Amino acid sequence: MTDYWLNKLIFDLQGPDGKERWNSSREEVMDNYELAPEIRTALKEDDIAVLLPLVNPYLMRFFLLMLGYDDAKSIEVLSALQSVEDRERMNG
């Protein structure tokens, strides 16, 4: 199940100054969204394993790119965190 506010935050970061705002003031950005404490912690620590089940796959790809992962590293990270069932569910 996805988390609306987490997805909204990542969606909003796609704007022209999103990466800059995230890198310079994460706490301030997060304060604009109703995030559970464990999600805030995961965002602060770039804990993809916690965030992945809650985020739309397209937004997660953007988020990883925003964090500085290239395509190859993003695929590596996501593959390591997904079970065979997860991949089948997401890829059809």
N, C-alpha and C. Protein backbone atom coordinates (compact mmCIF):
# COMPACT_ATOMS: atom_id res chain seq x y z
N MET A 1 0.84 -1.18 0.00
CA MET A 1 0.00 0.00 0.00
C MET A 1 0.89 1.25 0.00
N THR A 2 0.53 2.19 -0.83
CA THR A 2 1.33 3.41 -0.90
C THR A 2 0.91 4.39 0.20
N ASP A 3 1.77 5.33 0.47
CA ASP A 3 1.50 6.38 1.44
C ASP A 3 1.29 7.68 0.67
N TYR A 4 0.09 8.24 0.78
CA TYR A 4 -0.26 9.42 0.00
C TYR A 4 0.73 10.56 0.21
N TRP A 5 1.01 10.92 1.46
CA TRP A 5 1.84 12.09 1.74
C TRP A 5 3.28 11.90 1.29
N LEU A 6 3.78 10.70 1.44
CA LEU A 6 5.14 10.41 0.97
C LEU A 6 5.21 10.54 -0.55
N ASN A 7 4.24 9.98 -1.24
CA ASN A 7 4.20 10.08 -2.70
C ASN A 7 4.02 11.53 -3.14
N LYS A 8 3.20 12.28 -2.42
CA LYS A 8 2.97 13.70 -2.74
C LYS A 8 4.27 14.48 -2.58
N LEU A 9 5.00 14.21 -1.51
CA LEU A 9 6.27 14.89 -1.29
C LEU A 9 7.22 14.64 -2.46
N ILE A 10 7.40 13.37 -2.82
CA ILE A 10 8.32 13.04 -3.91
C ILE A 10 7.83 13.62 -5.23
N PHE A 11 6.52 13.56 -5.47
CA PHE A 11 5.96 14.15 -6.68
C PHE A 11 6.28 15.65 -6.74
N ASP A 12 6.08 16.33 -5.63
CA ASP A 12 6.33 17.78 -5.59
C ASP A 12 7.80 18.12 -5.79
N LEU A 13 8.69 17.23 -5.41
CA LEU A 13 10.13 17.48 -5.59
C LEU A 13 10.54 17.47 -7.06
N GLN A 14 9.66 17.03 -7.94
CA GLN A 14 9.98 17.02 -9.37
C GLN A 14 10.01 18.41 -9.97
N GLY A 15 9.61 19.41 -9.21
CA GLY A 15 9.63 20.79 -9.70
C GLY A 15 11.06 21.26 -9.94
N PRO A 16 11.19 22.45 -10.53
CA PRO A 16 12.50 22.95 -10.94
C PRO A 16 13.53 23.08 -9.82
N ASP A 17 13.10 23.36 -8.60
CA ASP A 17 14.07 23.53 -7.51
C ASP A 17 13.98 22.41 -6.47
N GLY A 18 13.32 21.31 -6.82
CA GLY A 18 13.09 20.23 -5.88
C GLY A 18 14.35 19.62 -5.30
N LYS A 19 15.29 19.30 -6.15
CA LYS A 19 16.53 18.67 -5.67
C LYS A 19 17.28 19.63 -4.75
N GLU A 20 17.34 20.88 -5.12
CA GLU A 20 18.03 21.88 -4.31
C GLU A 20 17.35 22.03 -2.95
N ARG A 21 16.02 22.12 -2.95
CA ARG A 21 15.28 22.26 -1.67
C ARG A 21 15.51 21.03 -0.79
N TRP A 22 15.46 19.84 -1.40
CA TRP A 22 15.64 18.61 -0.63
C TRP A 22 17.04 18.54 -0.03
N ASN A 23 18.03 18.89 -0.80
CA ASN A 23 19.41 18.82 -0.32
C ASN A 23 19.73 19.88 0.73
N SER A 24 19.08 21.01 0.65
CA SER A 24 19.42 22.10 1.57
C SER A 24 18.53 22.15 2.81
N SER A 25 17.31 21.61 2.73
CA SER A 25 16.40 21.75 3.88
C SER A 25 15.37 20.63 3.95
N ARG A 26 15.82 19.42 4.11
CA ARG A 26 14.92 18.26 4.18
C ARG A 26 13.86 18.42 5.26
N GLU A 27 14.29 18.82 6.44
CA GLU A 27 13.34 18.95 7.56
C GLU A 27 12.22 19.93 7.20
N GLU A 28 12.58 21.04 6.65
CA GLU A 28 11.60 22.05 6.27
C GLU A 28 10.65 21.52 5.20
N VAL A 29 11.18 20.81 4.23
CA VAL A 29 10.35 20.22 3.18
C VAL A 29 9.39 19.21 3.81
N MET A 30 9.90 18.31 4.65
CA MET A 30 9.06 17.28 5.26
C MET A 30 7.97 17.87 6.14
N ASP A 31 8.22 19.02 6.74
CA ASP A 31 7.23 19.66 7.61
C ASP A 31 5.96 20.02 6.86
N ASN A 32 6.00 20.09 5.55
CA ASN A 32 4.82 20.44 4.75
C ASN A 32 3.91 19.24 4.46
N TYR A 33 4.27 18.06 4.96
CA TYR A 33 3.53 16.84 4.66
C TYR A 33 3.24 16.07 5.95
N GLU A 34 2.14 15.38 5.98
CA GLU A 34 1.75 14.59 7.15
C GLU A 34 2.42 13.22 7.08
N LEU A 35 3.66 13.18 7.53
CA LEU A 35 4.46 11.96 7.45
C LEU A 35 4.58 11.31 8.83
N ALA A 36 4.44 9.99 8.85
CA ALA A 36 4.64 9.24 10.08
C ALA A 36 6.11 9.36 10.49
N PRO A 37 6.39 9.28 11.79
CA PRO A 37 7.78 9.40 12.26
C PRO A 37 8.75 8.42 11.59
N GLU A 38 8.31 7.18 11.36
CA GLU A 38 9.22 6.21 10.73
C GLU A 38 9.51 6.56 9.28
N ILE A 39 8.57 7.22 8.62
CA ILE A 39 8.81 7.65 7.23
C ILE A 39 9.77 8.84 7.23
N ARG A 40 9.60 9.75 8.16
CA ARG A 40 10.53 10.89 8.27
C ARG A 40 11.96 10.38 8.49
N THR A 41 12.10 9.41 9.38
CA THR A 41 13.42 8.84 9.66
C THR A 41 14.00 8.19 8.41
N ALA A 42 13.18 7.42 7.71
CA ALA A 42 13.64 6.76 6.49
C ALA A 42 14.08 7.78 5.44
N LEU A 43 13.35 8.87 5.34
CA LEU A 43 13.72 9.92 4.39
C LEU A 43 15.04 10.58 4.78
N LYS A 44 15.22 10.84 6.06
CA LYS A 44 16.46 11.47 6.53
C LYS A 44 17.67 10.57 6.26
N GLU A 45 17.45 9.25 6.38
CA GLU A 45 18.55 8.30 6.25
C GLU A 45 18.64 7.67 4.86
N ASP A 46 17.81 8.14 3.92
CA ASP A 46 17.76 7.56 2.57
C ASP A 46 17.58 6.05 2.64
N ASP A 47 16.70 5.60 3.52
CA ASP A 47 16.45 4.18 3.73
C ASP A 47 15.44 3.68 2.69
N ILE A 48 15.95 3.30 1.55
CA ILE A 48 15.12 2.88 0.42
C ILE A 48 14.30 1.64 0.76
N ALA A 49 14.84 0.75 1.57
CA ALA A 49 14.12 -0.47 1.94
C ALA A 49 12.80 -0.16 2.64
N VAL A 50 12.78 0.85 3.47
CA VAL A 50 11.55 1.25 4.17
C VAL A 50 10.61 1.98 3.21
N LEU A 51 11.15 2.82 2.37
CA LEU A 51 10.34 3.66 1.48
C LEU A 51 9.75 2.90 0.30
N LEU A 52 10.48 1.94 -0.23
CA LEU A 52 10.09 1.27 -1.47
C LEU A 52 8.66 0.73 -1.48
N PRO A 53 8.21 0.02 -0.45
CA PRO A 53 6.84 -0.51 -0.51
C PRO A 53 5.76 0.57 -0.46
N LEU A 54 6.13 1.78 -0.11
CA LEU A 54 5.16 2.86 0.08
C LEU A 54 5.10 3.84 -1.07
N VAL A 55 6.03 3.72 -2.02
CA VAL A 55 6.17 4.73 -3.07
C VAL A 55 5.85 4.13 -4.44
N ASN A 56 5.14 4.90 -5.23
CA ASN A 56 4.87 4.53 -6.61
C ASN A 56 6.21 4.27 -7.31
N PRO A 57 6.32 3.19 -8.09
CA PRO A 57 7.60 2.85 -8.73
C PRO A 57 8.19 3.97 -9.58
N TYR A 58 7.37 4.71 -10.29
CA TYR A 58 7.88 5.81 -11.12
C TYR A 58 8.46 6.93 -10.26
N LEU A 59 7.79 7.20 -9.15
CA LEU A 59 8.30 8.22 -8.24
C LEU A 59 9.57 7.75 -7.54
N MET A 60 9.64 6.45 -7.23
CA MET A 60 10.85 5.93 -6.60
C MET A 60 12.03 6.06 -7.55
N ARG A 61 11.82 5.79 -8.81
CA ARG A 61 12.91 5.94 -9.78
C ARG A 61 13.40 7.38 -9.80
N PHE A 62 12.47 8.33 -9.84
CA PHE A 62 12.85 9.74 -9.79
C PHE A 62 13.62 10.05 -8.51
N PHE A 63 13.11 9.56 -7.38
CA PHE A 63 13.73 9.84 -6.08
C PHE A 63 15.17 9.32 -6.06
N LEU A 64 15.39 8.12 -6.55
CA LEU A 64 16.75 7.57 -6.59
C LEU A 64 17.66 8.41 -7.47
N LEU A 65 17.15 8.84 -8.61
CA LEU A 65 17.95 9.70 -9.50
C LEU A 65 18.27 11.02 -8.80
N MET A 66 17.29 11.56 -8.08
CA MET A 66 17.48 12.81 -7.36
C MET A 66 18.55 12.65 -6.27
N LEU A 67 18.60 11.46 -5.67
CA LEU A 67 19.60 11.20 -4.63
C LEU A 67 21.00 10.97 -5.21
N GLY A 68 21.09 10.89 -6.54
CA GLY A 68 22.40 10.76 -7.17
C GLY A 68 22.70 9.37 -7.71
N TYR A 69 21.74 8.46 -7.61
CA TYR A 69 21.94 7.12 -8.19
C TYR A 69 21.77 7.22 -9.70
N ASP A 70 22.67 6.60 -10.46
CA ASP A 70 22.44 6.53 -11.90
C ASP A 70 21.50 5.36 -12.18
N ASP A 71 21.14 5.14 -13.44
CA ASP A 71 20.19 4.08 -13.77
C ASP A 71 20.69 2.71 -13.32
N ALA A 72 21.95 2.41 -13.57
CA ALA A 72 22.48 1.09 -13.23
C ALA A 72 22.44 0.87 -11.72
N LYS A 73 22.83 1.87 -10.95
CA LYS A 73 22.82 1.74 -9.48
C LYS A 73 21.39 1.66 -8.96
N SER A 74 20.47 2.42 -9.55
CA SER A 74 19.07 2.36 -9.15
C SER A 74 18.51 0.96 -9.35
N ILE A 75 18.79 0.37 -10.50
CA ILE A 75 18.32 -0.98 -10.79
C ILE A 75 18.93 -1.98 -9.81
N GLU A 76 20.20 -1.81 -9.53
CA GLU A 76 20.88 -2.71 -8.58
C GLU A 76 20.24 -2.63 -7.19
N VAL A 77 20.01 -1.42 -6.71
CA VAL A 77 19.42 -1.22 -5.39
C VAL A 77 18.01 -1.79 -5.33
N LEU A 78 17.20 -1.47 -6.32
CA LEU A 78 15.82 -1.95 -6.34
C LEU A 78 15.74 -3.47 -6.46
N SER A 79 16.57 -4.03 -7.29
CA SER A 79 16.58 -5.48 -7.47
C SER A 79 16.95 -6.20 -6.18
N ALA A 80 17.90 -5.64 -5.46
CA ALA A 80 18.33 -6.26 -4.20
C ALA A 80 17.23 -6.25 -3.15
N LEU A 81 16.33 -5.29 -3.23
CA LEU A 81 15.27 -5.14 -2.23
C LEU A 81 13.97 -5.83 -2.59
N GLN A 82 13.85 -6.31 -3.82
CA GLN A 82 12.60 -6.90 -4.26
C GLN A 82 12.69 -8.42 -4.33
N SER A 83 11.63 -9.05 -3.89
CA SER A 83 11.54 -10.50 -4.03
C SER A 83 11.11 -10.83 -5.46
N VAL A 84 11.16 -12.09 -5.80
CA VAL A 84 10.69 -12.53 -7.12
C VAL A 84 9.22 -12.16 -7.28
N GLU A 85 8.44 -12.33 -6.23
CA GLU A 85 7.01 -11.99 -6.29
C GLU A 85 6.80 -10.50 -6.53
N ASP A 86 7.62 -9.67 -5.88
CA ASP A 86 7.53 -8.22 -6.08
C ASP A 86 7.78 -7.87 -7.54
N ARG A 87 8.84 -8.45 -8.12
CA ARG A 87 9.18 -8.14 -9.51
C ARG A 87 8.07 -8.60 -10.45
N GLU A 88 7.52 -9.77 -10.21
CA GLU A 88 6.43 -10.26 -11.06
C GLU A 88 5.20 -9.37 -10.94
N ARG A 89 4.90 -8.94 -9.72
CA ARG A 89 3.73 -8.07 -9.51
C ARG A 89 3.93 -6.73 -10.21
N MET A 90 5.12 -6.16 -10.13
CA MET A 90 5.37 -4.84 -10.70
C MET A 90 5.58 -4.88 -12.20
N ASN A 91 6.14 -5.97 -12.70
CA ASN A 91 6.47 -6.06 -14.13
C ASN A 91 5.47 -6.86 -14.94
N GLY A 92 4.51 -7.47 -14.28
CA GLY A 92 3.45 -8.23 -14.97
C GLY A 92 3.84 -9.59 -15.42
